[in-house]
Amino acid sequence: MPAEKPGIVVFLGPSLSRDKAETILEADFRPPAKRGDIYQAAKEGAGIILLIDGVFFQECAVAHKEVIYALEAGAKVLGASSMGALRASELDIYGMEGIGMIYKAYKSGHLVSDDEVALIFDPFSWEPRSEPLVNIRFNLDLAWQMGVISASCKDRLFHCAQAQYFPDRTYERMLSDAAAMVAEKELLRFREFLEREKRDFKMEDALLALERVRDMIK
């Protein structure tokens, strides 16, 4: 008989809908991880633990020690997109695997603060209710690279977004706050960019991570 595939636990919330995730990977999907959840999954014998979303300010966040415990217990622990990217950038030296653009940005030091990936979400549907700063940052960079906005416009818009408390952070509020500092034509071009070209980098990294786990168990 073929060996049984290891149990797979995925902590997922606002980065990607569960419906979409289930089309990619069959797993035990759990809500955003809080302190103790990684430890519990490892204690239950999970062979693969994928951390995508976790709580930041609502409850105690995932502890470094519990990830190390899971690794020492023999689990493969991966991280991407949100809390997973942050913890992987800190713990990859112990064997946690990081995946995606956001993980690489934390690892390189381009991203530093937890605030980059923090947002608020509906506690029942996990739908995001604010925009994570990292998505705003990377979309502004993309718009500048495409020649949609100038470097000074990019910087002013980003500073407006960065100044907002994370539960209130949205593209619309950023644009409103910047209205007196940025030429109207540039704001209009960026609005059009958002309608046509806006990317969700947290979602993209979550998809990559699920695909990585799927490939691991083939």
N, C-alpha and C. Protein backbone atom coordinates (compact mmCIF):
# COMPACT_ATOMS: atom_id res chain seq x y z
N MET A 1 0.85 -1.20 0.00
CA MET A 1 0.00 0.00 0.00
C MET A 1 0.88 1.24 0.00
N PRO A 2 0.47 2.31 -0.74
CA PRO A 2 1.26 3.53 -0.74
C PRO A 2 1.22 4.20 0.63
N ALA A 3 2.31 4.89 0.95
CA ALA A 3 2.35 5.60 2.24
C ALA A 3 1.29 6.67 2.29
N GLU A 4 0.66 6.83 3.46
CA GLU A 4 -0.37 7.84 3.63
C GLU A 4 0.24 9.23 3.58
N LYS A 5 -0.41 10.15 2.87
CA LYS A 5 0.10 11.51 2.78
C LYS A 5 -0.01 12.19 4.14
N PRO A 6 0.98 13.02 4.48
CA PRO A 6 0.94 13.67 5.79
C PRO A 6 -0.23 14.62 5.90
N GLY A 7 -0.74 14.80 7.12
CA GLY A 7 -1.81 15.76 7.34
C GLY A 7 -1.32 17.16 7.03
N ILE A 8 -2.15 17.92 6.36
CA ILE A 8 -1.80 19.28 5.94
C ILE A 8 -2.74 20.26 6.64
N VAL A 9 -2.16 21.19 7.39
CA VAL A 9 -2.94 22.23 8.06
C VAL A 9 -2.56 23.57 7.45
N VAL A 10 -3.57 24.33 7.04
CA VAL A 10 -3.34 25.65 6.43
C VAL A 10 -4.10 26.70 7.23
N PHE A 11 -3.39 27.71 7.70
CA PHE A 11 -4.02 28.82 8.41
C PHE A 11 -4.27 29.94 7.39
N LEU A 12 -5.55 30.17 7.13
CA LEU A 12 -5.94 31.05 6.02
C LEU A 12 -7.08 31.97 6.45
N GLY A 13 -7.02 33.21 5.97
CA GLY A 13 -8.08 34.17 6.28
C GLY A 13 -8.31 35.13 5.14
N PRO A 14 -8.04 36.43 5.36
CA PRO A 14 -8.38 37.43 4.35
C PRO A 14 -7.49 37.45 3.11
N SER A 15 -6.35 36.78 3.13
CA SER A 15 -5.46 36.83 1.96
C SER A 15 -6.05 36.14 0.74
N LEU A 16 -6.88 35.13 0.97
CA LEU A 16 -7.45 34.35 -0.14
C LEU A 16 -8.71 33.66 0.35
N SER A 17 -9.71 33.60 -0.50
CA SER A 17 -10.95 32.93 -0.10
C SER A 17 -10.72 31.43 0.03
N ARG A 18 -11.41 30.84 0.97
CA ARG A 18 -11.27 29.40 1.17
C ARG A 18 -11.76 28.63 -0.06
N ASP A 19 -12.81 29.11 -0.69
CA ASP A 19 -13.32 28.44 -1.88
C ASP A 19 -12.23 28.31 -2.94
N LYS A 20 -11.49 29.40 -3.15
CA LYS A 20 -10.41 29.38 -4.13
C LYS A 20 -9.29 28.45 -3.68
N ALA A 21 -8.96 28.52 -2.40
CA ALA A 21 -7.88 27.68 -1.86
C ALA A 21 -8.19 26.21 -2.04
N GLU A 22 -9.45 25.83 -1.84
CA GLU A 22 -9.83 24.42 -1.92
C GLU A 22 -9.77 23.88 -3.33
N THR A 23 -9.76 24.76 -4.34
CA THR A 23 -9.61 24.28 -5.72
C THR A 23 -8.16 23.91 -6.01
N ILE A 24 -7.24 24.35 -5.15
CA ILE A 24 -5.82 24.11 -5.36
C ILE A 24 -5.30 22.97 -4.50
N LEU A 25 -5.78 22.91 -3.26
CA LEU A 25 -5.19 21.98 -2.29
C LEU A 25 -6.27 21.42 -1.37
N GLU A 26 -6.19 20.12 -1.13
CA GLU A 26 -7.05 19.49 -0.13
C GLU A 26 -6.31 19.52 1.20
N ALA A 27 -6.87 20.19 2.17
CA ALA A 27 -6.17 20.38 3.44
C ALA A 27 -7.17 20.66 4.55
N ASP A 28 -6.65 20.69 5.76
CA ASP A 28 -7.42 21.12 6.93
C ASP A 28 -7.24 22.64 7.04
N PHE A 29 -8.19 23.39 6.51
CA PHE A 29 -8.10 24.85 6.53
C PHE A 29 -8.64 25.37 7.86
N ARG A 30 -7.83 26.20 8.50
CA ARG A 30 -8.20 26.77 9.79
C ARG A 30 -8.13 28.29 9.72
N PRO A 31 -8.80 28.98 10.65
CA PRO A 31 -8.80 30.45 10.64
C PRO A 31 -7.40 31.01 10.89
N PRO A 32 -7.23 32.32 10.71
CA PRO A 32 -5.93 32.95 10.97
C PRO A 32 -5.35 32.52 12.31
N ALA A 33 -4.07 32.17 12.29
CA ALA A 33 -3.44 31.58 13.47
C ALA A 33 -3.22 32.62 14.58
N LYS A 34 -3.47 32.20 15.78
CA LYS A 34 -3.14 32.98 16.98
C LYS A 34 -2.12 32.20 17.79
N ARG A 35 -1.65 32.77 18.88
CA ARG A 35 -0.66 32.13 19.74
C ARG A 35 -1.13 30.73 20.15
N GLY A 36 -0.29 29.74 19.89
CA GLY A 36 -0.59 28.37 20.28
C GLY A 36 -1.14 27.49 19.18
N ASP A 37 -1.64 28.08 18.09
CA ASP A 37 -2.28 27.28 17.05
C ASP A 37 -1.27 26.42 16.26
N ILE A 38 -0.09 26.95 16.00
CA ILE A 38 0.93 26.17 15.30
C ILE A 38 1.39 25.01 16.19
N TYR A 39 1.59 25.31 17.46
CA TYR A 39 1.96 24.27 18.43
C TYR A 39 0.91 23.16 18.45
N GLN A 40 -0.37 23.54 18.48
CA GLN A 40 -1.44 22.56 18.54
C GLN A 40 -1.47 21.70 17.29
N ALA A 41 -1.29 22.31 16.12
CA ALA A 41 -1.29 21.55 14.87
C ALA A 41 -0.15 20.54 14.85
N ALA A 42 1.02 20.95 15.33
CA ALA A 42 2.16 20.03 15.38
C ALA A 42 1.91 18.91 16.37
N LYS A 43 1.32 19.26 17.52
CA LYS A 43 1.02 18.26 18.55
C LYS A 43 0.03 17.23 18.03
N GLU A 44 -0.87 17.67 17.15
CA GLU A 44 -1.86 16.75 16.56
C GLU A 44 -1.25 15.86 15.49
N GLY A 45 0.01 16.14 15.12
CA GLY A 45 0.69 15.28 14.16
C GLY A 45 0.70 15.76 12.72
N ALA A 46 0.39 17.03 12.50
CA ALA A 46 0.41 17.55 11.13
C ALA A 46 1.79 17.38 10.51
N GLY A 47 1.83 16.90 9.28
CA GLY A 47 3.10 16.73 8.59
C GLY A 47 3.55 17.98 7.87
N ILE A 48 2.57 18.77 7.43
CA ILE A 48 2.85 20.02 6.73
C ILE A 48 1.95 21.10 7.34
N ILE A 49 2.55 22.21 7.71
CA ILE A 49 1.81 23.35 8.25
C ILE A 49 2.13 24.56 7.40
N LEU A 50 1.10 25.13 6.79
CA LEU A 50 1.28 26.33 5.98
C LEU A 50 0.63 27.50 6.70
N LEU A 51 1.45 28.47 7.07
CA LEU A 51 0.96 29.68 7.73
C LEU A 51 0.85 30.78 6.69
N ILE A 52 -0.37 31.20 6.41
CA ILE A 52 -0.61 32.34 5.52
C ILE A 52 -1.07 33.52 6.36
N ASP A 53 -2.23 33.39 6.97
CA ASP A 53 -2.77 34.49 7.78
C ASP A 53 -2.69 34.19 9.27
N GLY A 54 -2.48 35.24 10.03
CA GLY A 54 -2.46 35.14 11.48
C GLY A 54 -2.93 36.45 12.08
N VAL A 55 -3.30 36.40 13.34
CA VAL A 55 -3.74 37.62 14.02
C VAL A 55 -2.52 38.46 14.39
N PHE A 56 -2.70 39.76 14.45
CA PHE A 56 -1.63 40.68 14.82
C PHE A 56 -1.94 41.40 16.12
N PHE A 57 -3.05 42.10 16.12
CA PHE A 57 -3.36 42.95 17.26
C PHE A 57 -4.61 42.52 18.01
N GLN A 58 -5.41 41.65 17.38
CA GLN A 58 -6.65 41.21 18.02
C GLN A 58 -6.36 40.29 19.21
N GLU A 59 -5.39 39.38 19.04
CA GLU A 59 -4.98 38.45 20.09
C GLU A 59 -3.47 38.29 19.98
N CYS A 60 -2.89 37.46 20.84
CA CYS A 60 -1.44 37.24 20.78
C CYS A 60 -1.07 36.54 19.47
N ALA A 61 -0.03 37.04 18.84
CA ALA A 61 0.40 36.50 17.54
C ALA A 61 1.16 35.19 17.72
N VAL A 62 1.31 34.47 16.61
CA VAL A 62 2.08 33.23 16.57
C VAL A 62 3.48 33.47 17.14
N ALA A 63 3.89 32.63 18.07
CA ALA A 63 5.20 32.75 18.70
C ALA A 63 6.26 32.04 17.88
N HIS A 64 7.47 32.58 17.92
CA HIS A 64 8.59 31.95 17.23
C HIS A 64 8.85 30.54 17.78
N LYS A 65 8.73 30.39 19.08
CA LYS A 65 9.05 29.11 19.71
C LYS A 65 8.13 27.99 19.24
N GLU A 66 6.87 28.30 18.96
CA GLU A 66 5.97 27.24 18.54
C GLU A 66 6.27 26.77 17.12
N VAL A 67 6.75 27.68 16.27
CA VAL A 67 7.18 27.27 14.94
C VAL A 67 8.40 26.35 15.05
N ILE A 68 9.34 26.72 15.91
CA ILE A 68 10.52 25.89 16.11
C ILE A 68 10.14 24.53 16.69
N TYR A 69 9.17 24.53 17.61
CA TYR A 69 8.66 23.27 18.15
C TYR A 69 8.12 22.38 17.04
N ALA A 70 7.33 22.96 16.14
CA ALA A 70 6.74 22.20 15.04
C ALA A 70 7.83 21.62 14.13
N LEU A 71 8.86 22.42 13.85
CA LEU A 71 9.96 21.94 13.02
C LEU A 71 10.70 20.79 13.71
N GLU A 72 10.94 20.94 15.00
CA GLU A 72 11.64 19.90 15.74
C GLU A 72 10.80 18.63 15.88
N ALA A 73 9.47 18.80 15.81
CA ALA A 73 8.57 17.64 15.87
C ALA A 73 8.50 16.91 14.54
N GLY A 74 9.15 17.47 13.51
CA GLY A 74 9.21 16.80 12.22
C GLY A 74 8.27 17.35 11.16
N ALA A 75 7.53 18.40 11.49
CA ALA A 75 6.62 18.99 10.50
C ALA A 75 7.39 19.88 9.53
N LYS A 76 6.93 19.94 8.32
CA LYS A 76 7.42 20.90 7.35
C LYS A 76 6.56 22.15 7.53
N VAL A 77 7.19 23.28 7.86
CA VAL A 77 6.45 24.51 8.11
C VAL A 77 6.81 25.53 7.04
N LEU A 78 5.78 26.07 6.39
CA LEU A 78 5.97 27.04 5.32
C LEU A 78 5.20 28.31 5.66
N GLY A 79 5.64 29.43 5.09
CA GLY A 79 4.95 30.70 5.34
C GLY A 79 4.95 31.59 4.12
N ALA A 80 3.89 32.35 3.99
CA ALA A 80 3.77 33.25 2.84
C ALA A 80 2.73 34.32 3.11
N SER A 81 2.78 35.38 2.33
CA SER A 81 1.70 36.33 2.16
C SER A 81 1.53 37.36 3.27
N SER A 82 1.32 36.90 4.49
CA SER A 82 1.00 37.82 5.59
C SER A 82 1.85 37.46 6.80
N MET A 83 1.22 37.05 7.90
CA MET A 83 1.98 36.61 9.06
C MET A 83 2.97 35.52 8.67
N GLY A 84 2.58 34.68 7.72
CA GLY A 84 3.46 33.60 7.28
C GLY A 84 4.74 34.12 6.66
N ALA A 85 4.65 35.16 5.85
CA ALA A 85 5.85 35.75 5.24
C ALA A 85 6.75 36.36 6.29
N LEU A 86 6.15 37.05 7.25
CA LEU A 86 6.92 37.69 8.31
C LEU A 86 7.66 36.66 9.15
N ARG A 87 6.94 35.62 9.61
CA ARG A 87 7.58 34.62 10.45
C ARG A 87 8.63 33.82 9.66
N ALA A 88 8.38 33.54 8.40
CA ALA A 88 9.36 32.80 7.60
C ALA A 88 10.64 33.59 7.42
N SER A 89 10.54 34.90 7.27
CA SER A 89 11.74 35.72 7.11
C SER A 89 12.59 35.71 8.37
N GLU A 90 11.95 35.46 9.51
CA GLU A 90 12.66 35.43 10.80
C GLU A 90 13.16 34.04 11.15
N LEU A 91 12.48 33.01 10.62
CA LEU A 91 12.75 31.65 11.08
C LEU A 91 13.23 30.70 9.98
N ASP A 92 13.51 31.22 8.80
CA ASP A 92 13.99 30.32 7.74
C ASP A 92 15.34 29.71 8.10
N ILE A 93 16.11 30.39 8.94
CA ILE A 93 17.40 29.82 9.36
C ILE A 93 17.21 28.56 10.21
N TYR A 94 16.01 28.36 10.74
CA TYR A 94 15.72 27.16 11.52
C TYR A 94 15.01 26.09 10.69
N GLY A 95 14.71 26.41 9.43
CA GLY A 95 14.10 25.42 8.57
C GLY A 95 12.72 25.76 8.04
N MET A 96 12.11 26.86 8.50
CA MET A 96 10.82 27.28 7.94
C MET A 96 11.04 27.77 6.52
N GLU A 97 10.17 27.39 5.61
CA GLU A 97 10.32 27.77 4.21
C GLU A 97 9.44 28.97 3.87
N GLY A 98 10.05 30.02 3.35
CA GLY A 98 9.30 31.19 2.93
C GLY A 98 9.04 31.16 1.43
N ILE A 99 7.89 31.69 1.05
CA ILE A 99 7.47 31.66 -0.35
C ILE A 99 6.92 33.02 -0.73
N GLY A 100 7.29 33.50 -1.92
CA GLY A 100 6.64 34.67 -2.50
C GLY A 100 7.37 35.98 -2.34
N MET A 101 6.81 36.97 -2.98
CA MET A 101 7.40 38.30 -3.07
C MET A 101 7.46 39.00 -1.71
N ILE A 102 6.43 38.84 -0.91
CA ILE A 102 6.39 39.53 0.38
C ILE A 102 7.41 38.93 1.34
N TYR A 103 7.52 37.61 1.35
CA TYR A 103 8.57 36.97 2.15
C TYR A 103 9.94 37.50 1.74
N LYS A 104 10.21 37.56 0.44
CA LYS A 104 11.52 38.02 -0.03
C LYS A 104 11.77 39.47 0.36
N ALA A 105 10.71 40.29 0.35
CA ALA A 105 10.86 41.70 0.72
C ALA A 105 11.18 41.84 2.21
N TYR A 106 10.57 41.02 3.05
CA TYR A 106 10.93 41.03 4.47
C TYR A 106 12.35 40.52 4.67
N LYS A 107 12.70 39.46 3.96
CA LYS A 107 14.01 38.86 4.13
C LYS A 107 15.13 39.82 3.73
N SER A 108 14.89 40.60 2.69
CA SER A 108 15.90 41.54 2.19
C SER A 108 15.99 42.81 3.02
N GLY A 109 14.99 43.03 3.88
CA GLY A 109 14.94 44.25 4.67
C GLY A 109 14.17 45.37 4.00
N HIS A 110 13.63 45.11 2.80
CA HIS A 110 12.83 46.13 2.13
C HIS A 110 11.55 46.41 2.92
N LEU A 111 11.00 45.36 3.53
CA LEU A 111 9.89 45.50 4.46
C LEU A 111 10.41 45.20 5.86
N VAL A 112 9.93 45.94 6.83
CA VAL A 112 10.41 45.76 8.21
C VAL A 112 9.24 45.57 9.18
N SER A 113 8.25 46.43 9.09
CA SER A 113 7.19 46.49 10.09
C SER A 113 6.09 45.46 9.87
N ASP A 114 5.53 44.94 10.98
CA ASP A 114 4.33 44.10 10.91
C ASP A 114 3.19 44.85 10.23
N ASP A 115 3.18 46.16 10.38
CA ASP A 115 2.11 47.01 9.86
C ASP A 115 1.95 46.87 8.34
N GLU A 116 2.99 46.43 7.66
CA GLU A 116 2.91 46.30 6.20
C GLU A 116 1.83 45.31 5.76
N VAL A 117 1.63 44.26 6.53
CA VAL A 117 0.67 43.23 6.12
C VAL A 117 -0.59 43.21 6.99
N ALA A 118 -0.66 44.10 7.97
CA ALA A 118 -1.81 44.13 8.87
C ALA A 118 -3.05 44.72 8.19
N LEU A 119 -4.20 44.21 8.54
CA LEU A 119 -5.47 44.74 8.06
C LEU A 119 -6.56 44.26 9.00
N ILE A 120 -7.75 44.79 8.85
CA ILE A 120 -8.88 44.26 9.60
C ILE A 120 -9.75 43.45 8.65
N PHE A 121 -10.47 42.48 9.22
CA PHE A 121 -11.29 41.61 8.38
C PHE A 121 -12.53 41.20 9.14
N ASP A 122 -13.54 40.81 8.37
CA ASP A 122 -14.78 40.33 8.96
C ASP A 122 -14.50 39.03 9.72
N PRO A 123 -14.89 38.94 11.00
CA PRO A 123 -14.54 37.76 11.79
C PRO A 123 -15.28 36.49 11.40
N PHE A 124 -16.29 36.62 10.53
CA PHE A 124 -17.05 35.45 10.11
C PHE A 124 -16.72 35.02 8.68
N SER A 125 -16.62 35.98 7.77
CA SER A 125 -16.35 35.65 6.38
C SER A 125 -14.87 35.76 6.02
N TRP A 126 -14.08 36.41 6.89
CA TRP A 126 -12.65 36.70 6.67
C TRP A 126 -12.42 37.70 5.54
N GLU A 127 -13.47 38.34 5.06
CA GLU A 127 -13.32 39.34 4.01
C GLU A 127 -12.54 40.54 4.55
N PRO A 128 -11.53 41.02 3.80
CA PRO A 128 -10.77 42.18 4.27
C PRO A 128 -11.62 43.44 4.31
N ARG A 129 -11.39 44.27 5.31
CA ARG A 129 -12.12 45.53 5.47
C ARG A 129 -11.19 46.74 5.37
N SER A 130 -9.91 46.49 5.15
CA SER A 130 -8.96 47.57 4.90
C SER A 130 -7.91 47.03 3.93
N GLU A 131 -7.05 47.90 3.45
CA GLU A 131 -6.04 47.49 2.47
C GLU A 131 -4.67 47.40 3.14
N PRO A 132 -3.99 46.26 3.03
CA PRO A 132 -2.66 46.16 3.64
C PRO A 132 -1.67 47.10 2.95
N LEU A 133 -0.81 47.70 3.73
CA LEU A 133 0.14 48.67 3.21
C LEU A 133 1.04 48.06 2.13
N VAL A 134 1.37 46.78 2.28
CA VAL A 134 2.26 46.17 1.29
C VAL A 134 1.63 46.16 -0.10
N ASN A 135 0.33 45.94 -0.20
CA ASN A 135 -0.33 45.99 -1.50
C ASN A 135 -0.28 47.40 -2.08
N ILE A 136 -0.51 48.40 -1.23
CA ILE A 136 -0.45 49.78 -1.68
C ILE A 136 0.96 50.12 -2.14
N ARG A 137 1.94 49.74 -1.34
CA ARG A 137 3.35 50.01 -1.67
C ARG A 137 3.73 49.42 -3.04
N PHE A 138 3.43 48.14 -3.24
CA PHE A 138 3.85 47.48 -4.47
C PHE A 138 3.06 47.97 -5.68
N ASN A 139 1.79 48.33 -5.49
CA ASN A 139 1.02 48.87 -6.61
C ASN A 139 1.50 50.27 -6.98
N LEU A 140 1.89 51.07 -6.00
CA LEU A 140 2.48 52.37 -6.31
C LEU A 140 3.80 52.20 -7.07
N ASP A 141 4.61 51.25 -6.63
CA ASP A 141 5.87 50.98 -7.34
C ASP A 141 5.60 50.56 -8.78
N LEU A 142 4.60 49.71 -8.95
CA LEU A 142 4.26 49.22 -10.28
C LEU A 142 3.77 50.36 -11.17
N ALA A 143 2.92 51.21 -10.63
CA ALA A 143 2.40 52.35 -11.40
C ALA A 143 3.54 53.29 -11.81
N TRP A 144 4.49 53.50 -10.91
CA TRP A 144 5.64 54.35 -11.23
C TRP A 144 6.50 53.70 -12.31
N GLN A 145 6.75 52.40 -12.20
CA GLN A 145 7.56 51.70 -13.19
C GLN A 145 6.91 51.73 -14.58
N MET A 146 5.58 51.76 -14.60
CA MET A 146 4.86 51.78 -15.87
C MET A 146 4.71 53.20 -16.41
N GLY A 147 5.19 54.19 -15.66
CA GLY A 147 5.11 55.57 -16.12
C GLY A 147 3.76 56.23 -15.88
N VAL A 148 2.94 55.62 -15.06
CA VAL A 148 1.60 56.16 -14.78
C VAL A 148 1.70 57.38 -13.88
N ILE A 149 2.59 57.31 -12.87
CA ILE A 149 2.77 58.41 -11.93
C ILE A 149 4.26 58.73 -11.79
N SER A 150 4.56 59.91 -11.31
CA SER A 150 5.95 60.33 -11.10
C SER A 150 6.46 59.77 -9.77
N ALA A 151 7.76 59.83 -9.58
CA ALA A 151 8.36 59.37 -8.33
C ALA A 151 7.87 60.20 -7.14
N SER A 152 7.74 61.51 -7.34
CA SER A 152 7.27 62.36 -6.23
C SER A 152 5.82 62.04 -5.88
N CYS A 153 5.00 61.77 -6.88
CA CYS A 153 3.61 61.38 -6.63
C CYS A 153 3.58 60.06 -5.86
N LYS A 154 4.35 59.10 -6.30
CA LYS A 154 4.42 57.79 -5.62
C LYS A 154 4.78 57.97 -4.14
N ASP A 155 5.79 58.78 -3.87
CA ASP A 155 6.25 58.97 -2.50
C ASP A 155 5.20 59.66 -1.64
N ARG A 156 4.54 60.68 -2.21
CA ARG A 156 3.53 61.40 -1.44
C ARG A 156 2.31 60.53 -1.15
N LEU A 157 1.91 59.75 -2.14
CA LEU A 157 0.78 58.85 -1.92
C LEU A 157 1.13 57.80 -0.86
N PHE A 158 2.32 57.27 -0.94
CA PHE A 158 2.72 56.25 0.03
C PHE A 158 2.76 56.82 1.44
N HIS A 159 3.30 58.01 1.59
CA HIS A 159 3.37 58.61 2.92
C HIS A 159 1.97 58.86 3.49
N CYS A 160 1.02 59.20 2.63
CA CYS A 160 -0.36 59.37 3.08
C CYS A 160 -0.93 58.04 3.58
N ALA A 161 -0.67 56.98 2.83
CA ALA A 161 -1.16 55.66 3.24
C ALA A 161 -0.49 55.20 4.52
N GLN A 162 0.81 55.40 4.60
CA GLN A 162 1.58 54.97 5.76
C GLN A 162 1.13 55.68 7.04
N ALA A 163 0.69 56.93 6.90
CA ALA A 163 0.27 57.72 8.06
C ALA A 163 -1.08 57.27 8.63
N GLN A 164 -1.83 56.51 7.86
CA GLN A 164 -3.13 56.06 8.31
C GLN A 164 -2.99 54.87 9.27
N TYR A 165 -3.86 54.82 10.27
CA TYR A 165 -3.92 53.66 11.15
C TYR A 165 -4.44 52.48 10.33
N PHE A 166 -3.85 51.31 10.49
CA PHE A 166 -4.11 50.22 9.56
C PHE A 166 -5.58 49.83 9.38
N PRO A 167 -6.46 49.92 10.40
CA PRO A 167 -7.86 49.57 10.13
C PRO A 167 -8.56 50.56 9.19
N ASP A 168 -8.01 51.76 9.05
CA ASP A 168 -8.63 52.80 8.22
C ASP A 168 -7.99 52.92 6.84
N ARG A 169 -7.02 52.09 6.56
CA ARG A 169 -6.21 52.24 5.36
C ARG A 169 -6.94 51.71 4.12
N THR A 170 -7.21 52.61 3.17
CA THR A 170 -7.82 52.24 1.90
C THR A 170 -7.20 53.09 0.80
N TYR A 171 -7.35 52.64 -0.43
CA TYR A 171 -6.87 53.45 -1.56
C TYR A 171 -7.61 54.78 -1.62
N GLU A 172 -8.91 54.74 -1.40
CA GLU A 172 -9.72 55.95 -1.51
C GLU A 172 -9.29 56.99 -0.48
N ARG A 173 -9.07 56.55 0.74
CA ARG A 173 -8.65 57.51 1.76
C ARG A 173 -7.26 58.06 1.44
N MET A 174 -6.37 57.22 0.96
CA MET A 174 -5.03 57.69 0.57
C MET A 174 -5.14 58.78 -0.49
N LEU A 175 -5.95 58.54 -1.50
CA LEU A 175 -6.10 59.51 -2.59
C LEU A 175 -6.74 60.80 -2.08
N SER A 176 -7.69 60.67 -1.19
CA SER A 176 -8.33 61.86 -0.62
C SER A 176 -7.34 62.68 0.20
N ASP A 177 -6.55 62.00 1.01
CA ASP A 177 -5.58 62.70 1.86
C ASP A 177 -4.50 63.39 1.04
N ALA A 178 -4.22 62.85 -0.15
CA ALA A 178 -3.15 63.40 -0.99
C ALA A 178 -3.63 64.48 -1.96
N ALA A 179 -4.92 64.76 -1.96
CA ALA A 179 -5.48 65.65 -2.98
C ALA A 179 -4.83 67.02 -3.02
N ALA A 180 -4.42 67.53 -1.87
CA ALA A 180 -3.82 68.87 -1.82
C ALA A 180 -2.33 68.85 -2.15
N MET A 181 -1.75 67.64 -2.26
CA MET A 181 -0.30 67.53 -2.44
C MET A 181 0.12 67.01 -3.81
N VAL A 182 -0.84 66.44 -4.54
CA VAL A 182 -0.53 65.77 -5.81
C VAL A 182 -1.41 66.34 -6.91
N ALA A 183 -0.84 66.50 -8.09
CA ALA A 183 -1.59 67.04 -9.22
C ALA A 183 -2.80 66.16 -9.52
N GLU A 184 -3.91 66.82 -9.82
CA GLU A 184 -5.16 66.08 -10.07
C GLU A 184 -5.01 65.08 -11.21
N LYS A 185 -4.27 65.45 -12.24
CA LYS A 185 -4.12 64.55 -13.39
C LYS A 185 -3.39 63.26 -13.00
N GLU A 186 -2.44 63.37 -12.06
CA GLU A 186 -1.74 62.16 -11.62
C GLU A 186 -2.65 61.28 -10.77
N LEU A 187 -3.45 61.91 -9.91
CA LEU A 187 -4.41 61.13 -9.13
C LEU A 187 -5.39 60.40 -10.03
N LEU A 188 -5.83 61.08 -11.09
CA LEU A 188 -6.76 60.46 -12.03
C LEU A 188 -6.10 59.26 -12.73
N ARG A 189 -4.84 59.45 -13.14
CA ARG A 189 -4.15 58.35 -13.82
C ARG A 189 -3.98 57.15 -12.87
N PHE A 190 -3.72 57.45 -11.60
CA PHE A 190 -3.55 56.33 -10.67
C PHE A 190 -4.88 55.64 -10.40
N ARG A 191 -5.97 56.40 -10.33
CA ARG A 191 -7.29 55.78 -10.19
C ARG A 191 -7.57 54.83 -11.35
N GLU A 192 -7.23 55.28 -12.56
CA GLU A 192 -7.44 54.45 -13.74
C GLU A 192 -6.56 53.21 -13.70
N PHE A 193 -5.34 53.38 -13.20
CA PHE A 193 -4.44 52.24 -13.03
C PHE A 193 -5.05 51.22 -12.07
N LEU A 194 -5.61 51.70 -10.96
CA LEU A 194 -6.22 50.79 -9.99
C LEU A 194 -7.36 50.00 -10.61
N GLU A 195 -8.14 50.65 -11.46
CA GLU A 195 -9.27 49.97 -12.10
C GLU A 195 -8.81 48.90 -13.07
N ARG A 196 -7.69 49.15 -13.75
CA ARG A 196 -7.25 48.25 -14.82
C ARG A 196 -6.15 47.27 -14.40
N GLU A 197 -5.21 47.74 -13.58
CA GLU A 197 -3.95 47.01 -13.39
C GLU A 197 -3.67 46.59 -11.94
N LYS A 198 -4.47 47.01 -11.00
CA LYS A 198 -4.19 46.75 -9.58
C LYS A 198 -4.01 45.25 -9.33
N ARG A 199 -2.97 44.95 -8.55
CA ARG A 199 -2.70 43.57 -8.18
C ARG A 199 -2.87 43.37 -6.68
N ASP A 200 -3.23 42.16 -6.31
CA ASP A 200 -3.33 41.79 -4.90
C ASP A 200 -2.14 40.88 -4.60
N PHE A 201 -1.07 41.45 -4.10
CA PHE A 201 0.17 40.70 -3.92
C PHE A 201 0.06 39.66 -2.80
N LYS A 202 -0.72 39.95 -1.79
CA LYS A 202 -0.92 38.97 -0.72
C LYS A 202 -1.65 37.74 -1.27
N MET A 203 -2.65 37.95 -2.09
CA MET A 203 -3.37 36.83 -2.67
C MET A 203 -2.46 36.03 -3.60
N GLU A 204 -1.66 36.72 -4.41
CA GLU A 204 -0.76 36.03 -5.33
C GLU A 204 0.22 35.14 -4.58
N ASP A 205 0.76 35.63 -3.46
CA ASP A 205 1.70 34.83 -2.68
C ASP A 205 1.00 33.65 -2.00
N ALA A 206 -0.24 33.86 -1.56
CA ALA A 206 -1.00 32.76 -0.96
C ALA A 206 -1.21 31.64 -1.98
N LEU A 207 -1.52 32.01 -3.20
CA LEU A 207 -1.71 31.01 -4.26
C LEU A 207 -0.41 30.26 -4.53
N LEU A 208 0.71 30.98 -4.59
CA LEU A 208 2.00 30.32 -4.79
C LEU A 208 2.29 29.30 -3.69
N ALA A 209 1.98 29.69 -2.44
CA ALA A 209 2.25 28.81 -1.32
C ALA A 209 1.40 27.54 -1.38
N LEU A 210 0.15 27.67 -1.73
CA LEU A 210 -0.73 26.50 -1.85
C LEU A 210 -0.24 25.58 -2.97
N GLU A 211 0.19 26.19 -4.06
CA GLU A 211 0.71 25.40 -5.18
C GLU A 211 2.01 24.68 -4.78
N ARG A 212 2.82 25.34 -3.97
CA ARG A 212 4.06 24.72 -3.49
C ARG A 212 3.75 23.49 -2.65
N VAL A 213 2.79 23.59 -1.75
CA VAL A 213 2.43 22.44 -0.92
C VAL A 213 1.84 21.34 -1.79
N ARG A 214 1.00 21.70 -2.73
CA ARG A 214 0.42 20.68 -3.64
C ARG A 214 1.52 19.92 -4.37
N ASP A 215 2.54 20.66 -4.83
CA ASP A 215 3.64 20.01 -5.56
C ASP A 215 4.46 19.10 -4.63
N MET A 216 4.55 19.47 -3.35
CA MET A 216 5.33 18.68 -2.38
C MET A 216 4.74 17.30 -2.17
N ILE A 217 3.43 17.17 -2.30
CA ILE A 217 2.77 15.91 -1.94
C ILE A 217 2.40 15.06 -3.15
N LYS A 218 2.78 15.51 -4.32
CA LYS A 218 2.48 14.73 -5.52
C LYS A 218 3.24 13.39 -5.51
